[in-house]
Amino acid sequence: EWRPPYFVRGYVNRREANESQELWFSRRRGAVFAHADTYCTAAVSLQLSGRKRWRLMPAPPIASSADLVDYHDGRIYGSGKWRPAFEGTVEEGEAIVFPPGLFHETLVPEEGNPACTASSTFQLQLPAPSGYVRAFLPSLALSHLYSEGHCRQRWHSYATLAAPAAVPPTLDRAACLAAAAALLRQIDADGDGGADVREIEAHLSSPDGATAWARWFVDEDHFSRLTPSGGHTPSADERVAMEVELLRGRAADTLVYHDVDGDGRVSAGELGEAALQWHAVEHRARAVEETRAGGWESAEAE
């Protein structure tokens, strides 16, 4: 029986680990070609027996959609852009944790390994890699994580503190900053000009029901087997426990997303800068989608 390791804490993370875990068995010199997964959260690979060598790199710089690299197994090799930035060996009993969008390849070396090695991979929901998302949002938004995964709707609320698709993007700088200032006034309960994690959580848990989305997953694909069709529906107690963890986690992740200077609070400047970035990135993403759709429609018409 597979069980989550000791460092996986909380009902949400234990459930996520159980639902997403995969077992990998490899012979000596077994390898997985470089690729980038579609996970929107941190991935963990735990080496159960033997040792495995890893090479990883961030996605290559993306100035436009023309620079996109195929993220499927081995496709990056032919592009000339495979330049590993990190390399190491994960020994038996050790684990490697990496964020979304990272290209990675593995090799089971012949030396020091049994005939068959075993490892387990799974994802963690909390904490979300929100600081990483903020730092690399312009590139991540042009990657497969935005166009083919669920990351767009999951990451939206960190910047806007609103449900997915609730805030239309604008390139009107003044309007964007005015909306961010108004949002901060709503969150800033003590009137000190900033927002800490308690104020963010209070804002996301307002009793009027407008932020009910913050207490659950933004899409049911988080746990396909938690839905009735998947065979398991959480009990009332399980649901409450998960709602509490998700709300607190979302508040903490939102703070990290905005708190660039690390002082434990979101200032007006930080909220405004994050808003400007998100609006510009989202506006570009929609323009790219429209361009692609127009091209496909023209091709189909011909």
Protein backbone atom coordinates (compact mmCIF):
# COMPACT_ATOMS: atom_id res chain seq x y z
CA GLU A 1 0.00 0.00 0.00
CA TRP A 2 1.35 3.42 -1.01
CA ARG A 3 1.15 6.13 1.65
CA PRO A 4 2.15 9.80 1.47
CA PRO A 5 5.56 10.46 3.07
CA TYR A 6 5.83 12.17 6.44
CA PHE A 7 6.37 15.65 5.01
CA VAL A 8 3.01 15.68 3.20
CA ARG A 9 0.77 17.41 5.72
CA GLY A 10 -2.85 18.48 5.76
CA TYR A 11 -5.95 16.86 4.36
CA VAL A 12 -5.69 18.56 0.96
CA ASN A 13 -2.07 17.61 0.35
CA ARG A 14 -2.53 14.02 1.54
CA ARG A 15 -5.51 13.64 -0.74
CA GLU A 16 -3.65 15.21 -3.65
CA ALA A 17 -0.64 12.95 -3.13
CA ASN A 18 -2.84 9.87 -3.03
CA GLU A 19 -4.81 10.92 -6.10
CA SER A 20 -1.83 11.94 -8.24
CA GLN A 21 0.84 9.42 -7.25
CA GLU A 22 2.51 7.28 -9.89
CA LEU A 23 5.04 4.50 -9.44
CA TRP A 24 8.04 4.30 -11.78
CA PHE A 25 10.15 1.17 -12.21
CA SER A 26 13.37 1.45 -14.21
CA ARG A 27 16.20 -0.83 -15.21
CA ARG A 28 19.80 0.31 -15.18
CA ARG A 29 20.39 2.87 -17.93
CA GLY A 30 16.66 3.51 -18.14
CA ALA A 31 15.90 7.10 -19.07
CA VAL A 32 13.10 9.61 -19.54
CA PHE A 33 13.72 12.21 -22.24
CA ALA A 34 13.54 15.91 -21.40
CA HIS A 35 9.99 17.24 -21.17
CA ALA A 36 7.83 19.66 -19.19
CA ASP A 37 4.65 18.45 -17.53
CA THR A 38 1.29 20.24 -17.42
CA TYR A 39 1.11 20.39 -13.63
CA CYS A 40 0.18 23.77 -12.15
CA THR A 41 1.56 22.92 -8.72
CA ALA A 42 4.82 21.59 -7.29
CA ALA A 43 5.81 18.07 -8.32
CA VAL A 44 7.68 15.64 -6.06
CA SER A 45 9.73 12.62 -7.10
CA LEU A 46 10.63 10.33 -4.21
CA GLN A 47 13.33 7.71 -4.84
CA LEU A 48 12.19 4.48 -3.16
CA SER A 49 15.11 2.29 -4.22
CA GLY A 50 18.28 2.87 -6.18
CA ARG A 51 19.47 6.24 -7.43
CA LYS A 52 18.53 8.49 -10.33
CA ARG A 53 20.36 11.30 -12.09
CA TRP A 54 18.37 14.44 -12.94
CA ARG A 55 19.00 17.34 -15.31
CA LEU A 56 16.62 20.30 -15.31
CA MET A 57 16.23 23.72 -16.89
CA PRO A 58 13.67 26.52 -16.96
CA ALA A 59 11.76 26.94 -20.20
CA PRO A 60 13.85 28.80 -22.80
CA PRO A 61 13.23 32.55 -23.05
CA ILE A 62 9.98 33.30 -24.85
CA ALA A 63 9.68 36.68 -26.55
CA SER A 64 6.62 35.67 -28.57
CA SER A 65 4.52 32.63 -29.36
CA ALA A 66 6.91 31.92 -32.24
CA ASP A 67 9.57 30.96 -29.66
CA LEU A 68 7.52 28.19 -28.09
CA VAL A 69 9.32 24.87 -27.62
CA ASP A 70 7.51 21.54 -27.87
CA TYR A 71 7.29 20.26 -24.30
CA HIS A 72 6.68 16.59 -25.15
CA ASP A 73 9.30 13.92 -24.47
CA GLY A 74 12.57 14.62 -26.27
CA ARG A 75 11.22 17.29 -28.62
CA ILE A 76 13.38 20.04 -27.11
CA TYR A 77 16.60 18.28 -28.14
CA GLY A 78 16.18 19.13 -31.81
CA SER A 79 15.50 22.79 -31.10
CA GLY A 80 19.04 23.51 -29.93
CA LYS A 81 17.63 25.02 -26.73
CA TRP A 82 18.27 22.14 -24.33
CA ARG A 83 20.77 23.68 -21.89
CA PRO A 84 20.39 22.07 -18.44
CA ALA A 85 20.85 24.56 -15.63
CA PHE A 86 20.68 22.08 -12.75
CA GLU A 87 22.06 18.58 -12.37
CA GLY A 88 22.13 16.17 -9.45
CA THR A 89 21.59 12.62 -8.26
CA VAL A 90 18.66 11.68 -6.04
CA GLU A 91 19.67 8.83 -3.78
CA GLU A 92 17.43 6.21 -2.19
CA GLY A 93 15.18 7.84 0.42
CA GLU A 94 15.66 11.34 -1.03
CA ALA A 95 13.18 13.46 -3.00
CA ILE A 96 13.34 16.25 -5.52
CA VAL A 97 10.69 18.99 -5.63
CA PHE A 98 10.36 21.28 -8.64
CA PRO A 99 7.90 23.95 -9.85
CA PRO A 100 5.65 23.95 -12.93
CA GLY A 101 7.10 24.43 -16.39
CA LEU A 102 10.57 23.08 -15.64
CA PHE A 103 12.03 20.83 -18.34
CA HIS A 104 13.63 17.73 -16.86
CA GLU A 105 15.18 14.44 -17.91
CA THR A 106 16.26 11.43 -15.84
CA LEU A 107 18.73 8.59 -16.15
CA VAL A 108 19.17 5.52 -13.95
CA PRO A 109 22.96 5.06 -13.91
CA GLU A 110 24.43 1.60 -14.15
CA GLU A 111 26.80 2.07 -11.22
CA GLY A 112 25.40 1.68 -7.72
CA ASN A 113 21.95 0.51 -8.77
CA PRO A 114 20.02 -2.75 -8.42
CA ALA A 115 18.60 -4.42 -11.52
CA CYS A 116 15.33 -2.54 -11.01
CA THR A 117 14.83 0.80 -9.26
CA ALA A 118 11.59 2.31 -8.02
CA SER A 119 10.39 5.86 -7.50
CA SER A 120 7.10 7.62 -6.83
CA THR A 121 5.91 10.95 -8.19
CA PHE A 122 3.03 13.06 -6.93
CA GLN A 123 1.91 16.67 -6.62
CA LEU A 124 1.32 19.03 -3.72
CA GLN A 125 -1.49 21.59 -3.68
CA LEU A 126 -0.30 23.70 -0.78
CA PRO A 127 1.59 25.90 -0.73
CA ALA A 128 1.10 26.89 -4.36
CA PRO A 129 4.18 28.18 -6.21
CA SER A 130 2.65 31.66 -6.33
CA GLY A 131 5.90 33.60 -5.92
CA TYR A 132 7.39 31.62 -8.79
CA VAL A 133 4.30 32.28 -10.89
CA ARG A 134 4.53 36.02 -10.25
CA ALA A 135 8.23 36.12 -11.15
CA PHE A 136 7.84 34.21 -14.42
CA LEU A 137 4.23 35.01 -15.38
CA PRO A 138 5.03 36.66 -18.76
CA SER A 139 6.85 33.52 -19.95
CA LEU A 140 4.52 31.02 -18.27
CA ALA A 141 1.53 32.68 -19.94
CA LEU A 142 3.01 31.90 -23.37
CA SER A 143 3.73 28.29 -22.46
CA HIS A 144 1.68 25.12 -22.69
CA LEU A 145 0.66 25.64 -19.06
CA TYR A 146 -1.62 28.47 -20.15
CA SER A 147 -2.80 27.13 -23.49
CA GLU A 148 -3.22 23.43 -22.71
CA GLY A 149 -3.40 23.11 -18.94
CA HIS A 150 -5.62 24.43 -16.18
CA CYS A 151 -3.05 26.87 -14.83
CA ARG A 152 -4.60 30.01 -16.24
CA GLN A 153 -7.80 29.74 -14.22
CA ARG A 154 -5.97 28.48 -11.14
CA TRP A 155 -3.44 31.33 -11.08
CA HIS A 156 -5.84 34.13 -12.02
CA SER A 157 -7.04 34.81 -8.48
CA TYR A 158 -3.59 35.43 -7.00
CA ALA A 159 -3.32 38.65 -8.98
CA THR A 160 -6.96 39.75 -8.92
CA LEU A 161 -8.32 38.22 -5.68
CA ALA A 162 -11.37 37.38 -7.75
CA ALA A 163 -12.83 34.24 -9.26
CA PRO A 164 -11.44 33.05 -12.61
CA ALA A 165 -12.59 35.15 -15.59
CA ALA A 166 -14.29 37.63 -13.23
CA VAL A 167 -11.92 40.48 -14.15
CA PRO A 168 -11.55 41.42 -17.84
CA PRO A 169 -8.05 42.62 -18.78
CA THR A 170 -7.45 46.24 -19.69
CA LEU A 171 -4.49 48.22 -21.00
CA ASP A 172 -5.83 51.40 -19.40
CA ARG A 173 -3.10 52.01 -16.82
CA ALA A 174 -5.06 54.58 -14.83
CA ALA A 175 -8.14 52.37 -14.63
CA CYS A 176 -6.04 49.38 -13.63
CA LEU A 177 -4.30 51.23 -10.80
CA ALA A 178 -7.57 52.79 -9.63
CA ALA A 179 -9.16 49.34 -9.41
CA ALA A 180 -6.14 48.02 -7.46
CA ALA A 181 -6.35 50.95 -5.02
CA ALA A 182 -10.07 50.33 -4.50
CA LEU A 183 -9.40 46.64 -3.88
CA LEU A 184 -6.76 47.44 -1.26
CA ARG A 185 -9.21 49.73 0.55
CA GLN A 186 -11.64 46.81 0.75
CA ILE A 187 -9.00 44.46 2.14
CA ASP A 188 -7.21 46.88 4.49
CA ALA A 189 -9.39 46.46 7.58
CA ASP A 190 -7.09 48.39 9.97
CA GLY A 191 -6.49 51.25 7.56
CA ASP A 192 -2.69 51.11 7.70
CA GLY A 193 -2.30 51.26 3.92
CA GLY A 194 -1.39 47.60 3.44
CA ALA A 195 -2.79 44.09 3.78
CA ASP A 196 -1.46 41.16 5.76
CA VAL A 197 -2.44 37.51 5.48
CA ARG A 198 -5.22 37.81 8.07
CA GLU A 199 -6.84 40.66 6.18
CA ILE A 200 -6.55 38.79 2.90
CA GLU A 201 -8.15 35.70 4.44
CA ALA A 202 -10.94 37.80 5.93
CA HIS A 203 -11.58 39.38 2.53
CA LEU A 204 -11.69 35.97 0.83
CA SER A 205 -14.06 34.58 3.46
CA SER A 206 -16.61 37.41 3.43
CA PRO A 207 -20.03 36.08 4.48
CA ASP A 208 -21.94 37.51 1.52
CA GLY A 209 -21.00 34.51 -0.60
CA ALA A 210 -19.23 36.55 -3.27
CA THR A 211 -15.98 34.75 -2.51
CA ALA A 212 -17.32 31.22 -2.06
CA TRP A 213 -14.96 30.15 -4.89
CA ALA A 214 -11.99 30.79 -2.57
CA ARG A 215 -12.99 27.89 -0.31
CA TRP A 216 -12.87 25.20 -2.97
CA PHE A 217 -11.00 24.25 -6.13
CA VAL A 218 -11.38 26.45 -9.18
CA ASP A 219 -11.91 23.37 -11.33
CA GLU A 220 -12.99 19.88 -10.37
CA ASP A 221 -10.06 18.36 -12.25
CA HIS A 222 -8.00 18.97 -9.12
CA PHE A 223 -9.42 15.73 -7.78
CA SER A 224 -11.13 13.76 -10.52
CA ARG A 225 -11.98 10.99 -8.11
CA LEU A 226 -13.50 13.31 -5.54
CA THR A 227 -16.48 13.85 -7.80
CA PRO A 228 -19.42 11.42 -7.83
CA SER A 229 -18.41 10.17 -11.28
CA GLY A 230 -14.94 9.43 -9.97
CA GLY A 231 -16.19 7.22 -7.20
CA HIS A 232 -15.62 9.32 -4.08
CA THR A 233 -17.50 12.32 -2.79
CA PRO A 234 -16.06 13.96 0.34
CA SER A 235 -18.11 13.66 3.50
CA ALA A 236 -19.41 16.81 5.17
CA ASP A 237 -16.52 16.78 7.66
CA GLU A 238 -13.97 16.19 4.92
CA ARG A 239 -15.41 19.04 2.89
CA VAL A 240 -15.21 21.45 5.83
CA ALA A 241 -11.61 20.46 6.60
CA MET A 242 -10.59 20.95 3.00
CA GLU A 243 -12.38 24.30 2.74
CA VAL A 244 -10.50 25.61 5.77
CA GLU A 245 -7.14 24.48 4.43
CA LEU A 246 -7.82 25.83 0.96
CA LEU A 247 -8.96 29.23 2.19
CA ARG A 248 -5.95 29.65 4.49
CA GLY A 249 -3.63 28.37 1.79
CA ARG A 250 -5.08 30.71 -0.82
CA ALA A 251 -4.65 33.69 1.51
CA ALA A 252 -1.02 32.78 2.23
CA ASP A 253 -0.27 32.12 -1.45
CA THR A 254 -1.86 35.42 -2.45
CA LEU A 255 0.32 37.26 0.03
CA VAL A 256 3.46 35.60 -1.37
CA TYR A 257 2.40 36.48 -4.91
CA HIS A 258 2.25 40.20 -4.13
CA ASP A 259 4.78 40.60 -1.31
CA VAL A 260 7.85 41.22 -3.44
CA ASP A 261 9.90 42.83 -0.65
CA GLY A 262 9.09 40.04 1.81
CA ASP A 263 7.91 42.26 4.66
CA GLY A 264 4.77 40.18 5.29
CA ARG A 265 2.25 42.66 3.89
CA VAL A 266 0.98 43.84 0.51
CA SER A 267 1.50 47.54 -0.13
CA ALA A 268 -0.42 49.71 -2.55
CA GLY A 269 2.59 49.75 -4.85
CA GLU A 270 2.93 45.97 -4.83
CA LEU A 271 -0.75 45.40 -5.53
CA GLY A 272 -0.67 47.97 -8.33
CA GLU A 273 2.43 46.52 -9.99
CA ALA A 274 1.00 43.00 -9.84
CA ALA A 275 -2.24 44.26 -11.38
CA LEU A 276 -0.43 46.02 -14.23
CA GLN A 277 1.58 42.88 -14.98
CA TRP A 278 -1.44 40.58 -14.91
CA HIS A 279 -3.60 42.83 -17.12
CA ALA A 280 -0.82 43.15 -19.72
CA VAL A 281 -0.10 39.41 -19.70
CA GLU A 282 -3.74 38.39 -19.86
CA HIS A 283 -4.48 40.89 -22.62
CA ARG A 284 -1.59 39.46 -24.64
CA ALA A 285 -2.72 35.88 -24.01
CA ARG A 286 -6.19 36.66 -25.33
CA ALA A 287 -4.75 38.40 -28.38
CA VAL A 288 -2.59 35.35 -29.12
CA GLU A 289 -5.64 33.10 -28.80
CA GLU A 290 -7.64 35.27 -31.21
CA THR A 291 -4.78 35.28 -33.71
CA ARG A 292 -4.43 31.51 -33.56
CA ALA A 293 -8.18 31.03 -33.86
CA GLY A 294 -8.29 33.33 -36.88
CA GLY A 295 -5.48 31.45 -38.55
CA TRP A 296 -7.10 28.09 -37.96
CA GLU A 297 -10.43 29.37 -39.27
CA SER A 298 -8.78 30.68 -42.43
CA ALA A 299 -6.94 27.40 -42.96
CA GLU A 300 -10.14 25.41 -42.52
CA ALA A 301 -12.01 27.70 -44.94
CA GLU A 302 -9.36 27.12 -47.61
